[in-house]
Amino acid sequence: MENRVAILGIIAEDTQMADRINDILHDYNEYIVGRMGVPYRDKGIFVISVIMDAPNDAISAASGKLGMLEGVTAKAVYSKK
């Protein structure tokens, strides 16, 4: 299966989910090119962006698992190439 480049946008409204988010991202670490997390303290949330180079199924699975966590929203934006 051909790899695609995507950005996972993650917003965590429950800071207690940080360990679970990191566990899921660790499961896909072979596909992660880079990541950046920014705590938005005024709003009490974390905003995380993760660049992945992976098969579509892996990107979708990671996004789905993250989005199923309580207080976490995750969406994937795919490159056209």
N, C-alpha and C. Protein backbone atom coordinates (compact mmCIF):
# COMPACT_ATOMS: atom_id res chain seq x y z
N MET A 1 0.84 -1.18 0.00
CA MET A 1 0.00 0.00 0.00
C MET A 1 0.89 1.25 0.00
N GLU A 2 0.50 2.22 -0.75
CA GLU A 2 1.28 3.45 -0.89
C GLU A 2 1.08 4.38 0.31
N ASN A 3 2.16 5.00 0.74
CA ASN A 3 2.09 5.95 1.85
C ASN A 3 1.56 7.29 1.37
N ARG A 4 0.94 8.00 2.31
CA ARG A 4 0.49 9.36 2.08
C ARG A 4 1.02 10.22 3.21
N VAL A 5 1.14 11.49 2.95
CA VAL A 5 1.54 12.45 3.98
C VAL A 5 0.27 13.11 4.50
N ALA A 6 0.18 13.19 5.82
CA ALA A 6 -1.01 13.79 6.43
C ALA A 6 -0.60 14.52 7.70
N ILE A 7 -1.44 15.44 8.09
CA ILE A 7 -1.30 16.12 9.38
C ILE A 7 -2.49 15.71 10.23
N LEU A 8 -2.19 15.20 11.42
CA LEU A 8 -3.24 14.93 12.39
C LEU A 8 -3.36 16.15 13.28
N GLY A 9 -4.52 16.74 13.33
CA GLY A 9 -4.78 17.84 14.24
C GLY A 9 -5.50 17.29 15.45
N ILE A 10 -4.94 17.51 16.62
CA ILE A 10 -5.51 16.95 17.85
C ILE A 10 -5.74 18.08 18.85
N ILE A 11 -6.94 18.12 19.41
CA ILE A 11 -7.24 19.07 20.48
C ILE A 11 -7.68 18.26 21.69
N ALA A 12 -6.97 18.42 22.78
CA ALA A 12 -7.29 17.71 24.01
C ALA A 12 -7.84 18.70 25.02
N GLU A 13 -9.11 18.54 25.33
CA GLU A 13 -9.75 19.40 26.32
C GLU A 13 -9.61 18.85 27.72
N ASP A 14 -9.20 17.59 27.82
CA ASP A 14 -8.98 16.94 29.11
C ASP A 14 -7.49 16.63 29.22
N THR A 15 -6.79 17.39 30.01
CA THR A 15 -5.34 17.23 30.12
C THR A 15 -4.96 15.88 30.73
N GLN A 16 -5.90 15.20 31.37
CA GLN A 16 -5.63 13.87 31.93
C GLN A 16 -5.45 12.82 30.82
N MET A 17 -5.78 13.16 29.59
CA MET A 17 -5.65 12.23 28.47
C MET A 17 -4.26 12.24 27.84
N ALA A 18 -3.35 13.05 28.35
CA ALA A 18 -2.02 13.19 27.73
C ALA A 18 -1.30 11.85 27.62
N ASP A 19 -1.32 11.05 28.66
CA ASP A 19 -0.64 9.75 28.62
C ASP A 19 -1.26 8.83 27.59
N ARG A 20 -2.58 8.82 27.50
CA ARG A 20 -3.26 7.94 26.52
C ARG A 20 -2.98 8.40 25.10
N ILE A 21 -2.94 9.73 24.89
CA ILE A 21 -2.61 10.26 23.56
C ILE A 21 -1.19 9.82 23.18
N ASN A 22 -0.27 9.99 24.11
CA ASN A 22 1.12 9.61 23.84
C ASN A 22 1.26 8.11 23.58
N ASP A 23 0.49 7.29 24.29
CA ASP A 23 0.53 5.84 24.06
C ASP A 23 0.09 5.49 22.64
N ILE A 24 -0.98 6.13 22.19
CA ILE A 24 -1.47 5.87 20.83
C ILE A 24 -0.46 6.36 19.80
N LEU A 25 0.09 7.55 20.00
CA LEU A 25 1.08 8.06 19.05
C LEU A 25 2.32 7.16 19.04
N HIS A 26 2.68 6.63 20.19
CA HIS A 26 3.83 5.72 20.25
C HIS A 26 3.58 4.47 19.39
N ASP A 27 2.34 4.01 19.36
CA ASP A 27 2.00 2.83 18.54
C ASP A 27 2.24 3.08 17.05
N TYR A 28 2.24 4.34 16.64
CA TYR A 28 2.41 4.70 15.23
C TYR A 28 3.72 5.45 14.99
N ASN A 29 4.66 5.34 15.92
CA ASN A 29 5.89 6.14 15.85
C ASN A 29 6.72 5.89 14.59
N GLU A 30 6.59 4.71 13.99
CA GLU A 30 7.35 4.44 12.77
C GLU A 30 6.89 5.31 11.60
N TYR A 31 5.69 5.86 11.70
CA TYR A 31 5.13 6.69 10.63
C TYR A 31 5.20 8.18 10.93
N ILE A 32 5.57 8.55 12.14
CA ILE A 32 5.55 9.96 12.53
C ILE A 32 6.83 10.65 12.10
N VAL A 33 6.67 11.70 11.31
CA VAL A 33 7.80 12.51 10.82
C VAL A 33 8.16 13.56 11.87
N GLY A 34 7.15 14.13 12.51
CA GLY A 34 7.38 15.15 13.52
C GLY A 34 6.08 15.50 14.21
N ARG A 35 6.21 16.15 15.34
CA ARG A 35 5.01 16.58 16.07
C ARG A 35 5.32 17.84 16.87
N MET A 36 4.25 18.59 17.13
CA MET A 36 4.38 19.80 17.92
C MET A 36 3.15 19.90 18.81
N GLY A 37 3.38 20.09 20.08
CA GLY A 37 2.29 20.27 21.02
C GLY A 37 2.38 21.63 21.68
N VAL A 38 1.25 22.30 21.76
CA VAL A 38 1.22 23.63 22.35
C VAL A 38 0.13 23.66 23.42
N PRO A 39 0.52 23.90 24.67
CA PRO A 39 -0.51 24.07 25.70
C PRO A 39 -1.12 25.46 25.58
N TYR A 40 -2.42 25.51 25.46
CA TYR A 40 -3.13 26.79 25.41
C TYR A 40 -3.72 26.99 26.80
N ARG A 41 -2.89 27.51 27.69
CA ARG A 41 -3.23 27.58 29.11
C ARG A 41 -4.46 28.43 29.40
N ASP A 42 -4.65 29.51 28.64
CA ASP A 42 -5.81 30.37 28.87
C ASP A 42 -7.12 29.61 28.67
N LYS A 43 -7.10 28.64 27.79
CA LYS A 43 -8.31 27.85 27.50
C LYS A 43 -8.30 26.49 28.19
N GLY A 44 -7.15 26.10 28.77
CA GLY A 44 -7.05 24.83 29.46
C GLY A 44 -7.05 23.63 28.52
N ILE A 45 -6.49 23.82 27.31
CA ILE A 45 -6.45 22.73 26.33
C ILE A 45 -5.04 22.58 25.78
N PHE A 46 -4.81 21.46 25.12
CA PHE A 46 -3.58 21.23 24.38
C PHE A 46 -3.92 21.11 22.91
N VAL A 47 -3.11 21.71 22.06
CA VAL A 47 -3.27 21.58 20.61
C VAL A 47 -2.01 20.89 20.10
N ILE A 48 -2.20 19.78 19.40
CA ILE A 48 -1.08 18.96 18.94
C ILE A 48 -1.23 18.76 17.44
N SER A 49 -0.13 18.92 16.71
CA SER A 49 -0.12 18.58 15.30
C SER A 49 0.94 17.50 15.09
N VAL A 50 0.58 16.50 14.31
CA VAL A 50 1.45 15.36 14.06
C VAL A 50 1.53 15.15 12.55
N ILE A 51 2.74 15.16 12.01
CA ILE A 51 2.93 14.89 10.59
C ILE A 51 3.23 13.40 10.45
N MET A 52 2.45 12.74 9.57
CA MET A 52 2.63 11.31 9.34
C MET A 52 2.90 11.03 7.87
N ASP A 53 3.73 10.05 7.61
CA ASP A 53 3.97 9.52 6.27
C ASP A 53 3.66 8.03 6.39
N ALA A 54 2.45 7.65 6.01
CA ALA A 54 1.96 6.31 6.35
C ALA A 54 0.90 5.85 5.36
N PRO A 55 0.61 4.55 5.36
CA PRO A 55 -0.53 4.08 4.59
C PRO A 55 -1.81 4.73 5.11
N ASN A 56 -2.76 4.92 4.23
CA ASN A 56 -4.02 5.56 4.58
C ASN A 56 -4.68 4.87 5.78
N ASP A 57 -4.62 3.55 5.83
CA ASP A 57 -5.25 2.81 6.93
C ASP A 57 -4.64 3.17 8.28
N ALA A 58 -3.32 3.35 8.33
CA ALA A 58 -2.65 3.69 9.58
C ALA A 58 -3.02 5.10 10.04
N ILE A 59 -3.08 6.02 9.11
CA ILE A 59 -3.45 7.40 9.45
C ILE A 59 -4.88 7.43 9.98
N SER A 60 -5.75 6.75 9.28
CA SER A 60 -7.16 6.69 9.67
C SER A 60 -7.33 6.03 11.04
N ALA A 61 -6.60 4.95 11.27
CA ALA A 61 -6.70 4.24 12.55
C ALA A 61 -6.21 5.10 13.69
N ALA A 62 -5.09 5.77 13.50
CA ALA A 62 -4.55 6.64 14.55
C ALA A 62 -5.54 7.76 14.87
N SER A 63 -6.06 8.40 13.84
CA SER A 63 -7.02 9.48 14.02
C SER A 63 -8.27 8.98 14.74
N GLY A 64 -8.75 7.82 14.34
CA GLY A 64 -9.95 7.24 14.96
C GLY A 64 -9.74 6.90 16.42
N LYS A 65 -8.61 6.28 16.73
CA LYS A 65 -8.33 5.92 18.13
C LYS A 65 -8.21 7.15 19.00
N LEU A 66 -7.54 8.18 18.48
CA LEU A 66 -7.40 9.42 19.24
C LEU A 66 -8.76 10.08 19.45
N GLY A 67 -9.56 10.13 18.40
CA GLY A 67 -10.87 10.77 18.47
C GLY A 67 -11.85 10.06 19.39
N MET A 68 -11.60 8.79 19.70
CA MET A 68 -12.48 8.04 20.59
C MET A 68 -12.20 8.33 22.07
N LEU A 69 -11.07 8.97 22.35
CA LEU A 69 -10.76 9.32 23.73
C LEU A 69 -11.68 10.44 24.20
N GLU A 70 -12.14 10.34 25.43
CA GLU A 70 -13.02 11.37 25.96
C GLU A 70 -12.28 12.69 26.09
N GLY A 71 -12.89 13.75 25.59
CA GLY A 71 -12.30 15.08 25.67
C GLY A 71 -11.23 15.35 24.62
N VAL A 72 -11.14 14.45 23.61
CA VAL A 72 -10.13 14.61 22.56
C VAL A 72 -10.82 14.62 21.21
N THR A 73 -10.43 15.58 20.37
CA THR A 73 -10.90 15.64 18.99
C THR A 73 -9.69 15.48 18.09
N ALA A 74 -9.82 14.65 17.06
CA ALA A 74 -8.71 14.43 16.13
C ALA A 74 -9.24 14.38 14.71
N LYS A 75 -8.56 15.04 13.80
CA LYS A 75 -8.91 15.04 12.38
C LYS A 75 -7.63 14.93 11.57
N ALA A 76 -7.73 14.27 10.43
CA ALA A 76 -6.59 14.12 9.53
C ALA A 76 -6.83 14.95 8.27
N VAL A 77 -5.77 15.61 7.84
CA VAL A 77 -5.77 16.35 6.57
C VAL A 77 -4.69 15.71 5.70
N TYR A 78 -5.09 15.23 4.53
CA TYR A 78 -4.20 14.46 3.66
C TYR A 78 -3.63 15.32 2.54
N SER A 79 -2.40 15.01 2.14
CA SER A 79 -1.81 15.65 0.97
C SER A 79 -2.52 15.10 -0.27
N LYS A 80 -2.47 15.81 -1.35
CA LYS A 80 -3.09 15.36 -2.59
C LYS A 80 -2.20 14.41 -3.36
N LYS A 81 -0.90 14.37 -3.02
CA LYS A 81 0.03 13.51 -3.73
C LYS A 81 0.18 12.19 -3.03
